[in-house]
C-alpha atoms as a PDB file:
ATOM      1  CA  MET A   1     110.881  84.283 113.592  1.00  0.00           C
ATOM      2  CA  ARG A   2     111.855  87.906 114.125  1.00  0.00           C
ATOM      3  CA  VAL A   3     110.586  89.632 117.244  1.00  0.00           C
ATOM      4  CA  GLY A   4     109.960  93.373 117.351  1.00  0.00           C
ATOM      5  CA  LEU A   5     109.181  95.661 120.275  1.00  0.00           C
ATOM      6  CA  HIS A   6     106.413  98.288 120.283  1.00  0.00           C
ATOM      7  CA  ALA A   7     107.168 100.268 123.446  1.00  0.00           C
ATOM      8  CA  LEU A   8     108.296 103.791 122.564  1.00  0.00           C
ATOM      9  CA  GLY A   9     106.620 107.171 122.469  1.00  0.00           C
ATOM     10  CA  ILE A  10     103.737 106.938 124.954  1.00  0.00           C
ATOM     11  CA  GLY A  11     103.678 107.765 128.659  1.00  0.00           C
ATOM     12  CA  ASP A  12     106.874 106.629 130.365  1.00  0.00           C
ATOM     13  CA  GLY A  13     108.045 105.441 126.933  1.00  0.00           C
ATOM     14  CA  ALA A  14     108.028 109.093 125.822  1.00  0.00           C
ATOM     15  CA  ARG A  15     110.790 110.123 128.237  1.00  0.00           C
ATOM     16  CA  PRO A  16     114.167 110.565 126.506  1.00  0.00           C
ATOM     17  CA  GLU A  17     116.124 108.637 129.139  1.00  0.00           C
ATOM     18  CA  VAL A  18     113.693 105.719 128.841  1.00  0.00           C
ATOM     19  CA  ILE A  19     113.808 105.774 125.035  1.00  0.00           C
ATOM     20  CA  ARG A  20     117.587 105.605 125.193  1.00  0.00           C
ATOM     21  CA  SER A  21     117.514 102.739 127.668  1.00  0.00           C
ATOM     22  CA  VAL A  22     114.854 100.729 125.833  1.00  0.00           C
ATOM     23  CA  ALA A  23     116.424 101.270 122.404  1.00  0.00           C
ATOM     24  CA  THR A  24     119.956 100.314 123.420  1.00  0.00           C
ATOM     25  CA  ALA A  25     118.765  97.306 125.423  1.00  0.00           C
ATOM     26  CA  ALA A  26     116.502  96.120 122.587  1.00  0.00           C
ATOM     27  CA  GLU A  27     119.415  96.300 120.169  1.00  0.00           C
ATOM     28  CA  ALA A  28     121.731  94.479 122.573  1.00  0.00           C
ATOM     29  CA  HIS A  29     119.222  91.659 123.056  1.00  0.00           C
ATOM     30  CA  GLY A  30     118.612  91.223 119.342  1.00  0.00           C
ATOM     31  CA  PHE A  31     115.120  92.571 118.733  1.00  0.00           C
ATOM     32  CA  ALA A  32     114.416  93.043 115.035  1.00  0.00           C
ATOM     33  CA  ARG A  33     112.678  96.430 115.104  1.00  0.00           C
ATOM     34  CA  LEU A  34     111.517  99.202 117.377  1.00  0.00           C
ATOM     35  CA  TRP A  35     107.950 100.304 116.605  1.00  0.00           C
ATOM     36  CA  CYS A  36     106.338 103.631 117.475  1.00  0.00           C
ATOM     37  CA  GLY A  37     102.748 104.672 116.745  1.00  0.00           C
ATOM     38  CA  GLU A  38     101.005 107.989 116.248  1.00  0.00           C
ATOM     39  CA  HIS A  39      98.118 110.128 117.309  1.00  0.00           C
ATOM     40  CA  VAL A  40      98.433 113.857 116.766  1.00  0.00           C
ATOM     41  CA  VAL A  41      95.183 114.453 118.649  1.00  0.00           C
ATOM     42  CA  LEU A  42      93.238 112.651 121.376  1.00  0.00           C
ATOM     43  CA  VAL A  43      89.968 113.936 122.799  1.00  0.00           C
ATOM     44  CA  ASP A  44      88.303 113.471 126.169  1.00  0.00           C
ATOM     45  CA  ALA A  45      84.992 112.234 124.755  1.00  0.00           C
ATOM     46  CA  SER A  46      85.221 110.501 121.393  1.00  0.00           C
ATOM     47  CA  THR A  47      82.290 109.173 119.410  1.00  0.00           C
ATOM     48  CA  SER A  48      84.658 107.309 117.069  1.00  0.00           C
ATOM     49  CA  ARG A  49      85.048 103.588 117.673  1.00  0.00           C
ATOM     50  CA  TYR A  50      88.574 102.354 118.379  1.00  0.00           C
ATOM     51  CA  PRO A  51      88.886  99.209 116.229  1.00  0.00           C
ATOM     52  CA  TYR A  52      91.553  97.391 118.250  1.00  0.00           C
ATOM     53  CA  SER A  53      89.656  96.646 121.458  1.00  0.00           C
ATOM     54  CA  ALA A  54      86.459  94.790 122.271  1.00  0.00           C
ATOM     55  CA  ASP A  55      84.821  97.808 123.914  1.00  0.00           C
ATOM     56  CA  GLY A  56      85.745 100.241 121.121  1.00  0.00           C
ATOM     57  CA  ARG A  57      87.790 102.480 123.417  1.00  0.00           C
ATOM     58  CA  ILE A  58      91.492 103.282 123.275  1.00  0.00           C
ATOM     59  CA  ALA A  59      93.299 102.398 126.502  1.00  0.00           C
ATOM     60  CA  VAL A  60      95.604 105.431 126.436  1.00  0.00           C
ATOM     61  CA  PRO A  61      94.220 108.316 128.533  1.00  0.00           C
ATOM     62  CA  PRO A  62      93.846 111.460 126.397  1.00  0.00           C
ATOM     63  CA  ALA A  63      96.182 113.557 128.598  1.00  0.00           C
ATOM     64  CA  THR A  64      99.079 111.096 128.175  1.00  0.00           C
ATOM     65  CA  ASP A  65     102.275 112.249 126.483  1.00  0.00           C
ATOM     66  CA  TRP A  66     102.423 110.819 122.954  1.00  0.00           C
ATOM     67  CA  LEU A  67     105.483 111.723 120.903  1.00  0.00           C
ATOM     68  CA  ASP A  68     105.624 112.287 117.177  1.00  0.00           C
ATOM     69  CA  PRO A  69     106.850 108.868 115.965  1.00  0.00           C
ATOM     70  CA  LEU A  70     109.328 110.131 113.373  1.00  0.00           C
ATOM     71  CA  LEU A  71     111.031 112.355 115.935  1.00  0.00           C
ATOM     72  CA  ALA A  72     111.009 109.621 118.579  1.00  0.00           C
ATOM     73  CA  LEU A  73     112.540 107.131 116.143  1.00  0.00           C
ATOM     74  CA  ALA A  74     115.168 109.678 115.080  1.00  0.00           C
ATOM     75  CA  PHE A  75     116.197 109.864 118.739  1.00  0.00           C
ATOM     76  CA  ALA A  76     116.297 106.061 118.898  1.00  0.00           C
ATOM     77  CA  ALA A  77     118.329 105.948 115.684  1.00  0.00           C
ATOM     78  CA  ALA A  78     120.941 108.232 117.220  1.00  0.00           C
ATOM     79  CA  VAL A  79     121.576 105.880 120.147  1.00  0.00           C
ATOM     80  CA  THR A  80     121.603 102.630 118.129  1.00  0.00           C
ATOM     81  CA  SER A  81     123.342 101.321 115.026  1.00  0.00           C
ATOM     82  CA  ARG A  82     121.731  98.027 113.951  1.00  0.00           C
ATOM     83  CA  ILE A  83     118.132  97.619 115.053  1.00  0.00           C
ATOM     84  CA  GLY A  84     115.345  98.361 112.596  1.00  0.00           C
ATOM     85  CA  LEU A  85     112.917 101.242 113.129  1.00  0.00           C
ATOM     86  CA  ALA A  86     109.273 101.416 112.073  1.00  0.00           C
ATOM     87  CA  THR A  87     106.246 103.615 112.550  1.00  0.00           C
ATOM     88  CA  GLY A  88     103.382 101.476 113.733  1.00  0.00           C
ATOM     89  CA  VAL A  89     101.596 103.377 112.369  1.00  0.00           C
ATOM     90  CA  LEU A  90     101.817 106.924 111.041  1.00  0.00           C
ATOM     91  CA  LEU A  91      98.367 108.194 110.016  1.00  0.00           C
ATOM     92  CA  LEU A  92      99.389 109.223 106.545  1.00  0.00           C
ATOM     93  CA  PRO A  93      96.175 110.881 105.272  1.00  0.00           C
ATOM     94  CA  GLU A  94      96.426 113.439 108.087  1.00  0.00           C
ATOM     95  CA  HIS A  95      99.734 114.785 106.726  1.00  0.00           C
ATOM     96  CA  HIS A  96     101.022 116.454 103.582  1.00  0.00           C
ATOM     97  CA  PRO A  97     102.675 113.729 101.481  1.00  0.00           C
ATOM     98  CA  VAL A  98     105.569 115.906 100.293  1.00  0.00           C
ATOM     99  CA  VAL A  99     106.485 116.692 103.904  1.00  0.00           C
ATOM    100  CA  VAL A 100     106.191 113.055 104.995  1.00  0.00           C
ATOM    101  CA  ALA A 101     108.288 111.909 102.032  1.00  0.00           C
ATOM    102  CA  LYS A 102     111.014 114.345 103.102  1.00  0.00           C
ATOM    103  CA  GLN A 103     110.828 113.356 106.781  1.00  0.00           C
ATOM    104  CA  ALA A 104     110.801 109.619 106.104  1.00  0.00           C
ATOM    105  CA  ALA A 105     113.737 109.772 103.710  1.00  0.00           C
ATOM    106  CA  THR A 106     115.636 111.928 106.210  1.00  0.00           C
ATOM    107  CA  LEU A 107     115.110 109.346 108.959  1.00  0.00           C
ATOM    108  CA  ASP A 108     116.144 106.568 106.585  1.00  0.00           C
ATOM    109  CA  VAL A 109     119.386 108.403 105.789  1.00  0.00           C
ATOM    110  CA  LEU A 110     120.115 109.224 109.439  1.00  0.00           C
ATOM    111  CA  SER A 111     119.537 105.591 110.416  1.00  0.00           C
ATOM    112  CA  ALA A 112     121.639 104.230 107.518  1.00  0.00           C
ATOM    113  CA  GLY A 113     118.681 102.522 105.862  1.00  0.00           C
ATOM    114  CA  ARG A 114     117.063 101.004 108.962  1.00  0.00           C
ATOM    115  CA  PHE A 115     113.656 102.688 108.651  1.00  0.00           C
ATOM    116  CA  SER A 116     110.341 101.221 107.474  1.00  0.00           C
ATOM    117  CA  LEU A 117     107.351 103.524 107.100  1.00  0.00           C
ATOM    118  CA  GLY A 118     104.264 101.959 108.627  1.00  0.00           C
ATOM    119  CA  VAL A 119     101.099 103.802 107.612  1.00  0.00           C
ATOM    120  CA  GLY A 120      97.410 103.591 108.403  1.00  0.00           C
ATOM    121  CA  ALA A 121      94.185 105.387 107.566  1.00  0.00           C
ATOM    122  CA  GLY A 122      93.162 106.046 111.171  1.00  0.00           C
ATOM    123  CA  TRP A 123      89.852 105.735 112.998  1.00  0.00           C
ATOM    124  CA  SER A 124      89.258 109.032 114.846  1.00  0.00           C
ATOM    125  CA  ALA A 125      86.937 111.463 113.088  1.00  0.00           C
ATOM    126  CA  GLU A 126      87.698 114.003 115.814  1.00  0.00           C
ATOM    127  CA  GLU A 127      91.408 113.864 115.008  1.00  0.00           C
ATOM    128  CA  TYR A 128      90.786 114.475 111.319  1.00  0.00           C
ATOM    129  CA  ALA A 129      88.455 117.367 112.128  1.00  0.00           C
ATOM    130  CA  ALA A 130      91.062 119.008 114.350  1.00  0.00           C
ATOM    131  CA  LEU A 131      93.614 118.795 111.532  1.00  0.00           C
ATOM    132  CA  GLY A 132      91.217 120.088 108.888  1.00  0.00           C
ATOM    133  CA  VAL A 133      91.398 116.924 106.772  1.00  0.00           C
ATOM    134  CA  PRO A 134      88.251 115.182 105.474  1.00  0.00           C
ATOM    135  CA  PHE A 135      87.582 111.890 107.263  1.00  0.00           C
ATOM    136  CA  ALA A 136      85.767 110.485 104.236  1.00  0.00           C
ATOM    137  CA  ALA A 137      87.861 108.853 101.500  1.00  0.00           C
ATOM    138  CA  ARG A 138      90.883 108.652 103.821  1.00  0.00           C
ATOM    139  CA  GLY A 139      91.794 105.214 102.492  1.00  0.00           C
ATOM    140  CA  ARG A 140      91.810 106.425  98.915  1.00  0.00           C
ATOM    141  CA  ARG A 141      93.769 109.493  99.999  1.00  0.00           C
ATOM    142  CA  MET A 142      96.387 107.291 101.672  1.00  0.00           C
ATOM    143  CA  GLU A 143      96.852 105.149  98.582  1.00  0.00           C
ATOM    144  CA  GLU A 144      97.357 108.217  96.416  1.00  0.00           C
ATOM    145  CA  TYR A 145      99.772 109.765  98.900  1.00  0.00           C
ATOM    146  CA  LEU A 146     101.875 106.585  98.862  1.00  0.00           C
ATOM    147  CA  THR A 147     102.026 106.674  95.065  1.00  0.00           C
ATOM    148  CA  ALA A 148     103.081 110.317  95.115  1.00  0.00           C
ATOM    149  CA  MET A 149     105.708 109.727  97.804  1.00  0.00           C
ATOM    150  CA  ARG A 150     107.264 106.880  95.854  1.00  0.00           C
ATOM    151  CA  VAL A 151     107.572 109.217  92.885  1.00  0.00           C
ATOM    152  CA  LEU A 152     109.352 111.731  95.134  1.00  0.00           C
ATOM    153  CA  TRP A 153     111.709 109.071  96.496  1.00  0.00           C
ATOM    154  CA  ALA A 154     112.619 107.723  93.071  1.00  0.00           C
ATOM    155  CA  GLU A 155     112.646 110.731  90.733  1.00  0.00           C
ATOM    156  CA  ASP A 156     114.447 114.066  90.681  1.00  0.00           C
ATOM    157  CA  PRO A 157     112.815 116.285  89.587  1.00  0.00           C
ATOM    158  CA  ALA A 158     109.448 114.709  90.360  1.00  0.00           C
ATOM    159  CA  SER A 159     105.953 115.426  89.079  1.00  0.00           C
ATOM    160  CA  PHE A 160     102.584 113.986  90.076  1.00  0.00           C
ATOM    161  CA  THR A 161      98.925 114.808  89.508  1.00  0.00           C
ATOM    162  CA  GLY A 162      96.177 113.133  91.504  1.00  0.00           C
ATOM    163  CA  GLU A 163      92.830 113.719  93.156  1.00  0.00           C
ATOM    164  CA  PHE A 164      94.284 114.925  96.453  1.00  0.00           C
ATOM    165  CA  THR A 165      97.786 116.188  95.686  1.00  0.00           C
ATOM    166  CA  ARG A 166      99.838 117.447  92.791  1.00  0.00           C
ATOM    167  CA  PHE A 167     103.304 118.839  92.184  1.00  0.00           C
ATOM    168  CA  ASP A 168     105.371 119.620  89.125  1.00  0.00           C
ATOM    169  CA  ALA A 169     109.115 119.300  88.568  1.00  0.00           C
ATOM    170  CA  ILE A 170     110.099 119.574  92.215  1.00  0.00           C
ATOM    171  CA  ARG A 171     113.232 118.313  93.927  1.00  0.00           C
ATOM    172  CA  VAL A 172     112.839 116.687  97.336  1.00  0.00           C
ATOM    173  CA  ASN A 173     116.048 115.360  98.804  1.00  0.00           C
ATOM    174  CA  PRO A 174     117.577 113.321 100.363  1.00  0.00           C
ATOM    175  CA  LYS A 175     116.432 110.105  98.750  1.00  0.00           C
ATOM    176  CA  PRO A 176     116.037 106.884 100.772  1.00  0.00           C
ATOM    177  CA  VAL A 177     119.162 104.794 101.148  1.00  0.00           C
ATOM    178  CA  ARG A 178     117.915 101.690  99.307  1.00  0.00           C
ATOM    179  CA  GLY A 179     117.934 102.828  95.713  1.00  0.00           C
ATOM    180  CA  GLY A 180     115.210 105.439  95.989  1.00  0.00           C
ATOM    181  CA  ARG A 181     112.778 103.073  97.687  1.00  0.00           C
ATOM    182  CA  LEU A 182     111.633 102.925 101.285  1.00  0.00           C
ATOM    183  CA  PRO A 183     109.708  99.901 102.642  1.00  0.00           C
ATOM    184  CA  VAL A 184     106.068 100.726 103.364  1.00  0.00           C
ATOM    185  CA  VAL A 185     104.098  98.625 105.854  1.00  0.00           C
ATOM    186  CA  VAL A 186     100.314  99.040 105.806  1.00  0.00           C
ATOM    187  CA  GLY A 187      98.594  98.708 109.163  1.00  0.00           C
ATOM    188  CA  GLY A 188      95.039  97.758 110.059  1.00  0.00           C
ATOM    189  CA  ASN A 189      93.090  94.548 110.650  1.00  0.00           C
ATOM    190  CA  SER A 190      90.108  95.060 108.351  1.00  0.00           C
ATOM    191  CA  ASP A 191      89.652  93.442 104.959  1.00  0.00           C
ATOM    192  CA  ALA A 192      90.119  96.878 103.395  1.00  0.00           C
ATOM    193  CA  ALA A 193      93.469  97.320 105.139  1.00  0.00           C
ATOM    194  CA  LEU A 194      94.621  93.875 104.005  1.00  0.00           C
ATOM    195  CA  ARG A 195      93.596  94.643 100.423  1.00  0.00           C
ATOM    196  CA  ARG A 196      95.536  97.891 100.670  1.00  0.00           C
ATOM    197  CA  ALA A 197      98.622  96.087 101.990  1.00  0.00           C
ATOM    198  CA  ALA A 198      98.453  93.678  99.058  1.00  0.00           C
ATOM    199  CA  GLY A 199      97.883  96.450  96.539  1.00  0.00           C
ATOM    200  CA  CYS A 200     100.368  99.102  97.586  1.00  0.00           C
ATOM    201  CA  GLY A 201     102.393  97.823 100.540  1.00  0.00           C
ATOM    202  CA  ASP A 202     105.667  96.039 101.100  1.00  0.00           C
ATOM    203  CA  GLY A 203     104.272  94.553 104.294  1.00  0.00           C
ATOM    204  CA  TRP A 204     101.321  94.322 106.670  1.00  0.00           C
ATOM    205  CA  TYR A 205     101.149  95.175 110.372  1.00  0.00           C
ATOM    206  CA  GLY A 206      98.255  93.653 112.276  1.00  0.00           C
ATOM    207  CA  PHE A 207      97.729  95.246 115.683  1.00  0.00           C
ATOM    208  CA  ASN A 208      96.135  93.646 118.740  1.00  0.00           C
ATOM    209  CA  VAL A 209      94.983  90.635 116.721  1.00  0.00           C
ATOM    210  CA  PRO A 210      93.620  87.608 118.611  1.00  0.00           C
ATOM    211  CA  ALA A 211      95.888  84.645 117.916  1.00  0.00           C
ATOM    212  CA  ALA A 212      92.940  82.581 116.677  1.00  0.00           C
ATOM    213  CA  ASP A 213      92.175  85.234 114.031  1.00  0.00           C
ATOM    214  CA  VAL A 214      95.638  85.276 112.432  1.00  0.00           C
ATOM    215  CA  PRO A 215      95.105  82.370 109.973  1.00  0.00           C
ATOM    216  CA  GLY A 216      91.891  83.960 108.722  1.00  0.00           C
ATOM    217  CA  ARG A 217      93.522  87.364 108.305  1.00  0.00           C
ATOM    218  CA  MET A 218      96.417  85.728 106.447  1.00  0.00           C
ATOM    219  CA  ALA A 219      93.960  83.979 104.107  1.00  0.00           C
ATOM    220  CA  VAL A 220      92.372  87.339 103.257  1.00  0.00           C
ATOM    221  CA  LEU A 221      95.827  88.809 102.666  1.00  0.00           C
ATOM    222  CA  ALA A 222      96.839  85.890 100.427  1.00  0.00           C
ATOM    223  CA  ASP A 223      93.650  86.233  98.378  1.00  0.00           C
ATOM    224  CA  ALA A 224      94.218  89.968  97.991  1.00  0.00           C
ATOM    225  CA  CYS A 225      97.805  89.370  96.910  1.00  0.00           C
ATOM    226  CA  ALA A 226      96.672  86.852  94.299  1.00  0.00           C
ATOM    227  CA  ARG A 227      94.278  89.443  92.878  1.00  0.00           C
ATOM    228  CA  HIS A 228      97.272  91.758  92.458  1.00  0.00           C
ATOM    229  CA  HIS A 229      99.373  88.956  90.941  1.00  0.00           C
ATOM    230  CA  ARG A 230     101.674  88.879  93.962  1.00  0.00           C
ATOM    231  CA  ALA A 231     102.757  86.050  96.237  1.00  0.00           C
ATOM    232  CA  VAL A 232     101.948  86.681  99.877  1.00  0.00           C
ATOM    233  CA  ASP A 233     105.534  85.843 100.821  1.00  0.00           C
ATOM    234  CA  GLU A 234     106.637  88.961  98.926  1.00  0.00           C
ATOM    235  CA  LEU A 235     105.335  90.928 101.911  1.00  0.00           C
ATOM    236  CA  THR A 236     106.718  91.145 105.410  1.00  0.00           C
ATOM    237  CA  VAL A 237     104.006  90.260 107.917  1.00  0.00           C
ATOM    238  CA  ALA A 238     104.258  91.701 111.414  1.00  0.00           C
ATOM    239  CA  VAL A 239     101.588  90.929 113.995  1.00  0.00           C
ATOM    240  CA  ALA A 240     101.034  92.144 117.551  1.00  0.00           C
ATOM    241  CA  LEU A 241      98.762  89.705 119.375  1.00  0.00           C
ATOM    242  CA  SER A 242      96.065  90.703 121.849  1.00  0.00           C
ATOM    243  CA  ASP A 243      96.351  87.419 123.746  1.00  0.00           C
ATOM    244  CA  GLY A 244      99.679  85.984 122.689  1.00  0.00           C
ATOM    245  CA  THR A 245     102.073  83.670 124.482  1.00  0.00           C
ATOM    246  CA  PRO A 246     105.344  82.200 123.195  1.00  0.00           C
ATOM    247  CA  GLU A 247     103.457  78.957 122.574  1.00  0.00           C
ATOM    248  CA  HIS A 248     101.709  80.699 119.665  1.00  0.00           C
ATOM    249  CA  LEU A 249     104.967  81.224 117.767  1.00  0.00           C
ATOM    250  CA  PRO A 250     105.027  77.954 115.763  1.00  0.00           C
ATOM    251  CA  ALA A 251     101.454  78.472 114.550  1.00  0.00           C
ATOM    252  CA  LEU A 252     102.223  82.066 113.611  1.00  0.00           C
ATOM    253  CA  ALA A 253     105.227  80.948 111.589  1.00  0.00           C
ATOM    254  CA  ARG A 254     103.143  78.312 109.802  1.00  0.00           C
ATOM    255  CA  ALA A 255     100.540  80.969 108.985  1.00  0.00           C
ATOM    256  CA  GLY A 256     103.188  83.127 107.298  1.00  0.00           C
ATOM    257  CA  VAL A 257     103.922  85.703 109.998  1.00  0.00           C
ATOM    258  CA  THR A 258     107.523  86.919 109.741  1.00  0.00           C
ATOM    259  CA  GLU A 259     107.659  89.163 112.830  1.00  0.00           C
ATOM    260  CA  LEU A 260     105.912  88.932 116.178  1.00  0.00           C
ATOM    261  CA  VAL A 261     105.658  92.400 117.717  1.00  0.00           C
ATOM    262  CA  VAL A 262     105.541  92.551 121.507  1.00  0.00           C
ATOM    263  CA  VAL A 263     103.569  95.555 122.781  1.00  0.00           C
ATOM    264  CA  GLY A 264     104.307  96.871 126.244  1.00  0.00           C
ATOM    265  CA  THR A 265     104.935  99.859 128.466  1.00  0.00           C
ATOM    266  CA  PRO A 266     108.397 100.229 130.007  1.00  0.00           C
ATOM    267  CA  PRO A 267     108.819 101.339 133.623  1.00  0.00           C
ATOM    268  CA  PRO A 268     109.817 104.982 134.244  1.00  0.00           C
ATOM    269  CA  ALA A 269     113.348 104.432 135.576  1.00  0.00           C
ATOM    270  CA  PRO A 270     116.014 103.832 132.885  1.00  0.00           C
ATOM    271  CA  ASP A 271     117.660 100.909 134.711  1.00  0.00           C
ATOM    272  CA  ALA A 272     114.296  99.300 135.314  1.00  0.00           C
ATOM    273  CA  ALA A 273     113.391  99.844 131.645  1.00  0.00           C
ATOM    274  CA  ALA A 274     116.550  98.031 130.549  1.00  0.00           C
ATOM    275  CA  ALA A 275     115.757  95.159 132.917  1.00  0.00           C
ATOM    276  CA  TRP A 276     112.200  95.071 131.535  1.00  0.00           C
ATOM    277  CA  VAL A 277     113.525  94.735 127.975  1.00  0.00           C
ATOM    278  CA  ALA A 278     115.795  91.900 129.119  1.00  0.00           C
ATOM    279  CA  GLU A 279     112.819  90.082 130.628  1.00  0.00           C
ATOM    280  CA  VAL A 280     110.763  90.557 127.457  1.00  0.00           C
ATOM    281  CA  ALA A 281     113.700  89.143 125.489  1.00  0.00           C
ATOM    282  CA  ARG A 282     113.930  86.101 127.782  1.00  0.00           C
ATOM    283  CA  THR A 283     110.222  85.470 127.364  1.00  0.00           C
ATOM    284  CA  TRP A 284     109.881  86.014 123.622  1.00  0.00           C
ATOM    285  CA  LEU A 285     113.085  86.541 121.702  1.00  0.00           C
ATOM    286  CA  ARG A 286     114.985  83.343 122.448  1.00  0.00           C
ATOM    287  CA  ARG A 287     111.917  81.261 121.701  1.00  0.00           C
ATOM    288  CA  GLY A 288     111.252  83.227 118.543  1.00  0.00           C
ATOM    289  CA  ASN A 289     114.763  82.554 117.319  1.00  0.00           C
ATOM    290  CA  ASP A 290     114.619  78.900 118.407  1.00  0.00           C
ATOM    291  CA  ARG A 291     111.413  78.370 116.451  1.00  0.00           C
ATOM    292  CA  GLY A 292     112.477  80.065 113.228  1.00  0.00           C
END
């Protein structure tokens, strides 16, 4: 099983010297991908429920540094040459799809085809309000944006007309490295997110999932894939566990998970960050490789 690392962009993981250290060490130790998430806006007092914790609150303090994930991954791409890169996740409905299509393809070109675009609908109504984007229908907006972006990646000139965006005979270059297609991973743990991954994704990213819940989530994903006349093994399946240990790896593999994503915060000193990555690799990566 592949093992990814979700450790860049927040707090000490937002410092350039730490990003360099973590990225180069992760590549040297054989991690599959570096993941980096997004929030454009955090607020001191949110009434929106965070869906990835039992108490409904995000653990990141609102004053914490949180880098733009595409820029952070571009920095990581410049100091590495082999390791994959993925947003986990970019909140696509908050952004203009033509701009994101351009940025994502640019990062794919600069990384020589190592980038996967992880997207999600988001949970913070306050964030949407600050950006002037309607919170309602954000899932439908995301699906349409993905369709429009794939047109931009594949066609030149490109035209599209939808409910939320439209363009006519425009040229947006560069194109992604892999034949005008860029892998899209849909994040989120809800049934709606799993249906969306099956319907318009190349993969699914489950975040902070209890290990006991993975088989049930995979069953929902498999059912959704069948409804779209797809086999579930057509998708990459990456999961970050809320309570995981290396002993969970065989069961995850049997359930159909293809990548275990370790989530952590590196220490602030570059040498200590590299040592931290090495310890994470000793704990997870060797066992992941040993167990398929």
